[in-house]
Amino acid sequence: MSVSRESQKFERVTVSLVPTADERSFENVPTTFSALHRSYEWRRASQLRYMIVPKRISSQQIVIELFVERQGKGAHASKDVARAVESFVQHKIASEWKGLKLGAISRPSVAAPPQRAFVRGTIEEMIGTKLLR
């Protein structure tokens, strides 16, 4: 289920988050966008490298694509990635993503992360649509 790209393996997991009544829900939409480099960047967690790209933001749901590179290898790599992603998301909700709760996590699928840098940098320009209010 992984795609090899320059000897690295990437998988994509779509995560839907549900905003709570807390107004902080929209203050910290999960992303790894770097305003300095005008592109998405890879970050590292204990078991995986990840890149977060927001896809849809509304008052009822925030959908992000989480690109991951699993650090370990094994026969059950896809199942391990799914477990690692779920653990990662739960940890982030408890610590950094205040005002959000988990809606759903898709199964890992073959992926190629975004490569282009953005000329503009508002969240609406990054996802290519206006935010629903």
N, C-alpha and C. Protein backbone atom coordinates (compact mmCIF):
# COMPACT_ATOMS: atom_id res chain seq x y z
N MET A 1 0.81 -1.20 0.00
CA MET A 1 0.00 0.00 0.00
C MET A 1 0.84 1.25 0.00
N SER A 2 2.12 1.16 -0.13
CA SER A 2 2.99 2.32 -0.11
C SER A 2 3.52 2.57 -1.50
N VAL A 3 3.84 3.82 -1.75
CA VAL A 3 4.41 4.18 -3.03
C VAL A 3 5.87 4.57 -2.79
N SER A 4 6.76 4.04 -3.60
CA SER A 4 8.17 4.34 -3.41
C SER A 4 8.53 5.57 -4.22
N ARG A 5 9.13 6.52 -3.58
CA ARG A 5 9.54 7.75 -4.24
C ARG A 5 10.89 8.13 -3.67
N GLU A 6 11.93 8.00 -4.47
CA GLU A 6 13.28 8.27 -4.02
C GLU A 6 13.59 7.47 -2.75
N SER A 7 13.28 6.20 -2.75
CA SER A 7 13.48 5.25 -1.66
C SER A 7 12.71 5.60 -0.38
N GLN A 8 11.69 6.44 -0.47
CA GLN A 8 10.85 6.75 0.68
C GLN A 8 9.45 6.25 0.40
N LYS A 9 8.75 5.82 1.45
CA LYS A 9 7.40 5.30 1.28
C LYS A 9 6.42 6.24 1.96
N PHE A 10 5.39 6.61 1.20
CA PHE A 10 4.40 7.55 1.70
C PHE A 10 3.01 6.94 1.62
N GLU A 11 2.20 7.27 2.60
CA GLU A 11 0.80 6.88 2.59
C GLU A 11 -0.03 8.09 2.99
N ARG A 12 -1.28 8.13 2.52
CA ARG A 12 -2.18 9.23 2.84
C ARG A 12 -3.35 8.70 3.65
N VAL A 13 -3.69 9.45 4.68
CA VAL A 13 -4.84 9.13 5.51
C VAL A 13 -5.68 10.40 5.61
N THR A 14 -6.97 10.28 5.32
CA THR A 14 -7.87 11.42 5.45
C THR A 14 -8.50 11.38 6.83
N VAL A 15 -8.39 12.50 7.53
CA VAL A 15 -8.90 12.60 8.89
C VAL A 15 -9.95 13.69 8.93
N SER A 16 -11.13 13.37 9.47
CA SER A 16 -12.14 14.41 9.67
C SER A 16 -12.22 14.72 11.15
N LEU A 17 -12.19 16.01 11.43
CA LEU A 17 -12.26 16.50 12.80
C LEU A 17 -13.53 17.32 12.95
N VAL A 18 -14.16 17.22 14.09
CA VAL A 18 -15.42 17.92 14.34
C VAL A 18 -15.15 19.04 15.34
N PRO A 19 -15.44 20.30 14.94
CA PRO A 19 -15.27 21.40 15.88
C PRO A 19 -16.29 21.31 17.01
N THR A 20 -15.85 21.60 18.21
CA THR A 20 -16.77 21.66 19.34
C THR A 20 -17.30 23.08 19.43
N ALA A 21 -18.07 23.36 20.42
CA ALA A 21 -18.62 24.71 20.58
C ALA A 21 -17.52 25.72 20.93
N ASP A 22 -16.36 25.23 21.25
CA ASP A 22 -15.24 26.07 21.62
C ASP A 22 -14.78 26.90 20.42
N GLU A 23 -14.63 28.20 20.61
CA GLU A 23 -14.20 29.07 19.50
C GLU A 23 -12.75 28.84 19.10
N ARG A 24 -11.97 28.13 19.91
CA ARG A 24 -10.59 27.82 19.56
C ARG A 24 -10.51 26.80 18.43
N SER A 25 -11.62 26.17 18.07
CA SER A 25 -11.64 25.15 17.03
C SER A 25 -11.01 25.64 15.74
N PHE A 26 -11.25 26.90 15.38
CA PHE A 26 -10.79 27.41 14.09
C PHE A 26 -9.52 28.23 14.20
N GLU A 27 -9.03 28.43 15.41
CA GLU A 27 -7.79 29.19 15.58
C GLU A 27 -6.58 28.40 15.11
N ASN A 28 -6.57 27.12 15.36
CA ASN A 28 -5.42 26.29 15.03
C ASN A 28 -5.83 25.13 14.14
N VAL A 29 -6.21 25.43 12.91
CA VAL A 29 -6.53 24.37 11.96
C VAL A 29 -5.23 23.59 11.71
N PRO A 30 -5.24 22.27 11.89
CA PRO A 30 -4.01 21.49 11.73
C PRO A 30 -3.42 21.63 10.34
N THR A 31 -2.15 21.99 10.27
CA THR A 31 -1.43 22.12 9.01
C THR A 31 0.06 22.12 9.28
N THR A 32 0.85 21.76 8.29
CA THR A 32 2.30 21.88 8.40
C THR A 32 2.81 22.89 7.37
N PHE A 33 1.95 23.83 7.00
CA PHE A 33 2.33 24.86 6.04
C PHE A 33 3.33 25.81 6.68
N SER A 34 4.41 26.09 5.98
CA SER A 34 5.43 27.02 6.46
C SER A 34 5.29 28.33 5.69
N ALA A 35 4.95 29.40 6.40
CA ALA A 35 4.84 30.70 5.75
C ALA A 35 6.20 31.17 5.25
N LEU A 36 7.26 30.79 5.94
CA LEU A 36 8.61 31.18 5.54
C LEU A 36 9.00 30.58 4.19
N HIS A 37 8.74 29.28 4.02
CA HIS A 37 9.10 28.58 2.78
C HIS A 37 7.97 28.52 1.78
N ARG A 38 6.77 28.95 2.18
CA ARG A 38 5.59 28.98 1.32
C ARG A 38 5.25 27.60 0.76
N SER A 39 5.41 26.58 1.57
CA SER A 39 5.07 25.21 1.16
C SER A 39 4.82 24.37 2.40
N TYR A 40 4.32 23.16 2.18
CA TYR A 40 4.11 22.23 3.29
C TYR A 40 5.44 21.57 3.62
N GLU A 41 5.65 21.30 4.90
CA GLU A 41 6.91 20.71 5.34
C GLU A 41 6.65 19.42 6.09
N TRP A 42 7.65 18.55 6.08
CA TRP A 42 7.59 17.30 6.83
C TRP A 42 7.97 17.59 8.27
N ARG A 43 7.28 16.94 9.18
CA ARG A 43 7.60 17.01 10.61
C ARG A 43 7.76 15.58 11.11
N ARG A 44 8.32 15.43 12.29
CA ARG A 44 8.58 14.10 12.82
C ARG A 44 7.86 13.92 14.15
N ALA A 45 7.22 12.78 14.28
CA ALA A 45 6.66 12.33 15.56
C ALA A 45 7.46 11.09 15.94
N SER A 46 7.15 10.48 17.05
CA SER A 46 7.96 9.36 17.52
C SER A 46 8.04 8.20 16.53
N GLN A 47 6.93 7.83 15.90
CA GLN A 47 6.93 6.65 15.04
C GLN A 47 6.81 6.97 13.55
N LEU A 48 6.63 8.23 13.19
CA LEU A 48 6.42 8.54 11.78
C LEU A 48 6.81 9.97 11.45
N ARG A 49 7.07 10.18 10.15
CA ARG A 49 7.21 11.53 9.61
C ARG A 49 5.85 11.86 9.01
N TYR A 50 5.45 13.13 9.10
CA TYR A 50 4.12 13.47 8.62
C TYR A 50 4.08 14.86 8.00
N MET A 51 3.08 15.05 7.14
CA MET A 51 2.77 16.33 6.53
C MET A 51 1.26 16.46 6.59
N ILE A 52 0.75 17.60 7.06
CA ILE A 52 -0.69 17.80 7.18
C ILE A 52 -1.13 18.88 6.19
N VAL A 53 -2.11 18.54 5.34
CA VAL A 53 -2.65 19.46 4.36
C VAL A 53 -4.15 19.58 4.59
N PRO A 54 -4.64 20.77 4.98
CA PRO A 54 -6.09 20.93 5.16
C PRO A 54 -6.80 20.87 3.80
N LYS A 55 -7.92 20.17 3.73
CA LYS A 55 -8.67 20.03 2.48
C LYS A 55 -10.02 20.72 2.50
N ARG A 56 -10.71 20.70 3.65
CA ARG A 56 -12.03 21.33 3.72
C ARG A 56 -12.25 21.81 5.15
N ILE A 57 -12.73 23.04 5.24
CA ILE A 57 -12.99 23.62 6.56
C ILE A 57 -14.39 24.22 6.54
N SER A 58 -15.23 23.77 7.46
CA SER A 58 -16.57 24.35 7.61
C SER A 58 -16.90 24.38 9.09
N SER A 59 -18.04 24.91 9.42
CA SER A 59 -18.42 24.99 10.83
C SER A 59 -18.76 23.61 11.39
N GLN A 60 -19.02 22.62 10.52
CA GLN A 60 -19.35 21.29 10.98
C GLN A 60 -18.22 20.28 10.92
N GLN A 61 -17.21 20.56 10.07
CA GLN A 61 -16.18 19.56 9.87
C GLN A 61 -14.90 20.20 9.32
N ILE A 62 -13.77 19.69 9.78
CA ILE A 62 -12.47 20.05 9.22
C ILE A 62 -11.86 18.76 8.70
N VAL A 63 -11.54 18.74 7.42
CA VAL A 63 -10.96 17.55 6.80
C VAL A 63 -9.51 17.86 6.45
N ILE A 64 -8.62 16.99 6.92
CA ILE A 64 -7.20 17.14 6.60
C ILE A 64 -6.70 15.86 5.95
N GLU A 65 -5.68 16.02 5.10
CA GLU A 65 -4.99 14.85 4.57
C GLU A 65 -3.67 14.77 5.30
N LEU A 66 -3.42 13.63 5.87
CA LEU A 66 -2.21 13.39 6.63
C LEU A 66 -1.33 12.45 5.81
N PHE A 67 -0.22 12.97 5.30
CA PHE A 67 0.74 12.15 4.56
C PHE A 67 1.75 11.64 5.57
N VAL A 68 1.99 10.34 5.55
CA VAL A 68 2.89 9.75 6.54
C VAL A 68 3.95 8.88 5.89
N GLU A 69 5.08 8.83 6.56
CA GLU A 69 6.14 7.89 6.22
C GLU A 69 6.44 7.13 7.50
N ARG A 70 6.13 5.87 7.51
CA ARG A 70 6.34 5.02 8.69
C ARG A 70 7.82 4.79 8.87
N GLN A 71 8.32 4.92 10.08
CA GLN A 71 9.73 4.76 10.36
C GLN A 71 10.15 3.30 10.49
N GLY A 72 9.24 2.43 10.89
CA GLY A 72 9.57 1.01 11.03
C GLY A 72 9.09 0.22 9.83
N LYS A 73 9.51 -1.02 9.74
CA LYS A 73 9.08 -1.91 8.67
C LYS A 73 8.49 -3.16 9.27
N GLY A 74 7.68 -3.87 8.49
CA GLY A 74 7.12 -5.11 9.00
C GLY A 74 6.06 -5.65 8.07
N ALA A 75 5.60 -6.85 8.38
CA ALA A 75 4.62 -7.52 7.53
C ALA A 75 3.25 -6.84 7.60
N HIS A 76 2.94 -6.21 8.71
CA HIS A 76 1.64 -5.56 8.90
C HIS A 76 1.78 -4.04 8.83
N ALA A 77 2.51 -3.55 7.83
CA ALA A 77 2.83 -2.13 7.75
C ALA A 77 1.58 -1.25 7.68
N SER A 78 0.59 -1.63 6.87
CA SER A 78 -0.62 -0.82 6.73
C SER A 78 -1.39 -0.72 8.05
N LYS A 79 -1.51 -1.85 8.74
CA LYS A 79 -2.20 -1.86 10.04
C LYS A 79 -1.41 -1.04 11.06
N ASP A 80 -0.08 -1.14 11.00
CA ASP A 80 0.77 -0.36 11.90
C ASP A 80 0.62 1.13 11.63
N VAL A 81 0.56 1.52 10.37
CA VAL A 81 0.38 2.92 10.01
C VAL A 81 -0.96 3.42 10.53
N ALA A 82 -2.01 2.65 10.34
CA ALA A 82 -3.33 3.06 10.82
C ALA A 82 -3.32 3.26 12.34
N ARG A 83 -2.69 2.34 13.07
CA ARG A 83 -2.60 2.47 14.52
C ARG A 83 -1.77 3.68 14.93
N ALA A 84 -0.63 3.87 14.24
CA ALA A 84 0.25 4.99 14.55
C ALA A 84 -0.46 6.32 14.28
N VAL A 85 -1.20 6.40 13.18
CA VAL A 85 -1.92 7.63 12.85
C VAL A 85 -3.01 7.90 13.88
N GLU A 86 -3.76 6.88 14.25
CA GLU A 86 -4.82 7.09 15.25
C GLU A 86 -4.23 7.56 16.58
N SER A 87 -3.15 6.97 16.99
CA SER A 87 -2.48 7.38 18.22
C SER A 87 -1.97 8.81 18.12
N PHE A 88 -1.37 9.14 16.97
CA PHE A 88 -0.86 10.49 16.72
C PHE A 88 -1.98 11.52 16.79
N VAL A 89 -3.10 11.26 16.11
CA VAL A 89 -4.23 12.18 16.08
C VAL A 89 -4.82 12.36 17.48
N GLN A 90 -5.00 11.27 18.21
CA GLN A 90 -5.54 11.37 19.57
C GLN A 90 -4.62 12.20 20.47
N HIS A 91 -3.32 12.01 20.33
CA HIS A 91 -2.35 12.78 21.11
C HIS A 91 -2.44 14.27 20.75
N LYS A 92 -2.53 14.59 19.47
CA LYS A 92 -2.61 15.98 19.03
C LYS A 92 -3.89 16.64 19.51
N ILE A 93 -5.01 15.92 19.48
CA ILE A 93 -6.29 16.47 19.95
C ILE A 93 -6.18 16.79 21.44
N ALA A 94 -5.53 15.91 22.19
CA ALA A 94 -5.40 16.13 23.63
C ALA A 94 -4.44 17.27 23.97
N SER A 95 -3.45 17.50 23.09
CA SER A 95 -2.43 18.49 23.45
C SER A 95 -2.50 19.80 22.66
N GLU A 96 -2.58 19.75 21.34
CA GLU A 96 -2.47 20.96 20.52
C GLU A 96 -3.75 21.37 19.80
N TRP A 97 -4.55 20.42 19.39
CA TRP A 97 -5.73 20.74 18.58
C TRP A 97 -6.93 20.95 19.47
N LYS A 98 -6.86 21.96 20.31
CA LYS A 98 -7.93 22.25 21.27
C LYS A 98 -9.20 22.64 20.52
N GLY A 99 -10.34 22.21 21.04
CA GLY A 99 -11.62 22.54 20.43
C GLY A 99 -12.01 21.63 19.28
N LEU A 100 -11.25 20.56 19.04
CA LEU A 100 -11.57 19.61 17.98
C LEU A 100 -11.70 18.22 18.57
N LYS A 101 -12.58 17.43 17.98
CA LYS A 101 -12.67 16.01 18.35
C LYS A 101 -12.65 15.19 17.08
N LEU A 102 -12.26 13.95 17.21
CA LEU A 102 -12.09 13.06 16.07
C LEU A 102 -13.44 12.65 15.50
N GLY A 103 -13.59 12.81 14.18
CA GLY A 103 -14.79 12.35 13.48
C GLY A 103 -14.54 10.96 12.89
N ALA A 104 -13.55 10.87 11.98
CA ALA A 104 -13.24 9.60 11.33
C ALA A 104 -11.82 9.64 10.78
N ILE A 105 -11.26 8.43 10.60
CA ILE A 105 -9.94 8.28 9.99
C ILE A 105 -10.09 7.23 8.89
N SER A 106 -9.65 7.58 7.67
CA SER A 106 -9.74 6.63 6.57
C SER A 106 -8.60 5.62 6.64
N ARG A 107 -8.67 4.61 5.81
CA ARG A 107 -7.60 3.64 5.71
C ARG A 107 -6.43 4.28 4.96
N PRO A 108 -5.20 3.87 5.25
CA PRO A 108 -4.04 4.38 4.50
C PRO A 108 -4.14 3.99 3.03
N SER A 109 -3.72 4.90 2.14
CA SER A 109 -3.71 4.62 0.71
C SER A 109 -2.43 5.18 0.09
N VAL A 110 -2.12 4.71 -1.09
CA VAL A 110 -0.94 5.16 -1.81
C VAL A 110 -1.02 6.66 -2.01
N ALA A 111 0.11 7.35 -1.87
CA ALA A 111 0.07 8.80 -1.94
C ALA A 111 1.36 9.40 -2.47
N ALA A 112 1.20 10.58 -3.02
CA ALA A 112 2.33 11.44 -3.36
C ALA A 112 2.02 12.79 -2.74
N PRO A 113 2.83 13.23 -1.80
CA PRO A 113 2.53 14.50 -1.12
C PRO A 113 2.66 15.69 -2.05
N PRO A 114 2.02 16.80 -1.70
CA PRO A 114 2.11 18.00 -2.54
C PRO A 114 3.56 18.47 -2.64
N GLN A 115 3.95 18.91 -3.82
CA GLN A 115 5.33 19.33 -4.03
C GLN A 115 5.49 20.82 -4.31
N ARG A 116 4.44 21.47 -4.75
CA ARG A 116 4.61 22.86 -5.18
C ARG A 116 4.55 23.83 -4.01
N ALA A 117 5.27 24.92 -4.16
CA ALA A 117 5.21 26.00 -3.18
C ALA A 117 4.08 26.93 -3.58
N PHE A 118 3.52 27.64 -2.63
CA PHE A 118 2.41 28.53 -2.90
C PHE A 118 2.91 29.97 -2.99
N VAL A 119 2.36 30.70 -3.94
CA VAL A 119 2.72 32.10 -4.09
C VAL A 119 1.97 32.92 -3.06
N ARG A 120 0.74 32.53 -2.79
CA ARG A 120 -0.09 33.20 -1.78
C ARG A 120 -0.20 32.29 -0.58
N GLY A 121 -0.66 32.80 0.55
CA GLY A 121 -0.62 31.96 1.72
C GLY A 121 -1.78 31.98 2.67
N THR A 122 -2.94 32.56 2.31
CA THR A 122 -4.06 32.46 3.25
C THR A 122 -4.62 31.06 3.19
N ILE A 123 -5.29 30.65 4.24
CA ILE A 123 -5.85 29.30 4.29
C ILE A 123 -6.84 29.09 3.14
N GLU A 124 -7.60 30.11 2.77
CA GLU A 124 -8.56 29.98 1.66
C GLU A 124 -7.83 29.75 0.34
N GLU A 125 -6.71 30.41 0.15
CA GLU A 125 -5.94 30.22 -1.09
C GLU A 125 -5.26 28.85 -1.10
N MET A 126 -4.85 28.37 0.07
CA MET A 126 -4.19 27.07 0.14
C MET A 126 -5.14 25.94 -0.23
N ILE A 127 -6.39 26.03 0.25
CA ILE A 127 -7.32 24.94 -0.05
C ILE A 127 -8.15 25.21 -1.29
N GLY A 128 -8.02 26.41 -1.87
CA GLY A 128 -8.67 26.71 -3.13
C GLY A 128 -10.15 26.98 -3.06
N THR A 129 -10.65 27.38 -1.91
CA THR A 129 -12.07 27.67 -1.78
C THR A 129 -12.30 28.61 -0.61
N LYS A 130 -13.46 29.20 -0.54
CA LYS A 130 -13.79 30.07 0.57
C LYS A 130 -14.22 29.22 1.76
N LEU A 131 -13.94 29.70 2.95
CA LEU A 131 -14.37 29.01 4.15
C LEU A 131 -15.87 29.19 4.34
N LEU A 132 -16.54 28.11 4.67
CA LEU A 132 -17.98 28.17 4.96
C LEU A 132 -18.16 28.69 6.37
N ARG A 133 -19.03 29.62 6.55
CA ARG A 133 -19.23 30.19 7.89
C ARG A 133 -20.60 29.87 8.39
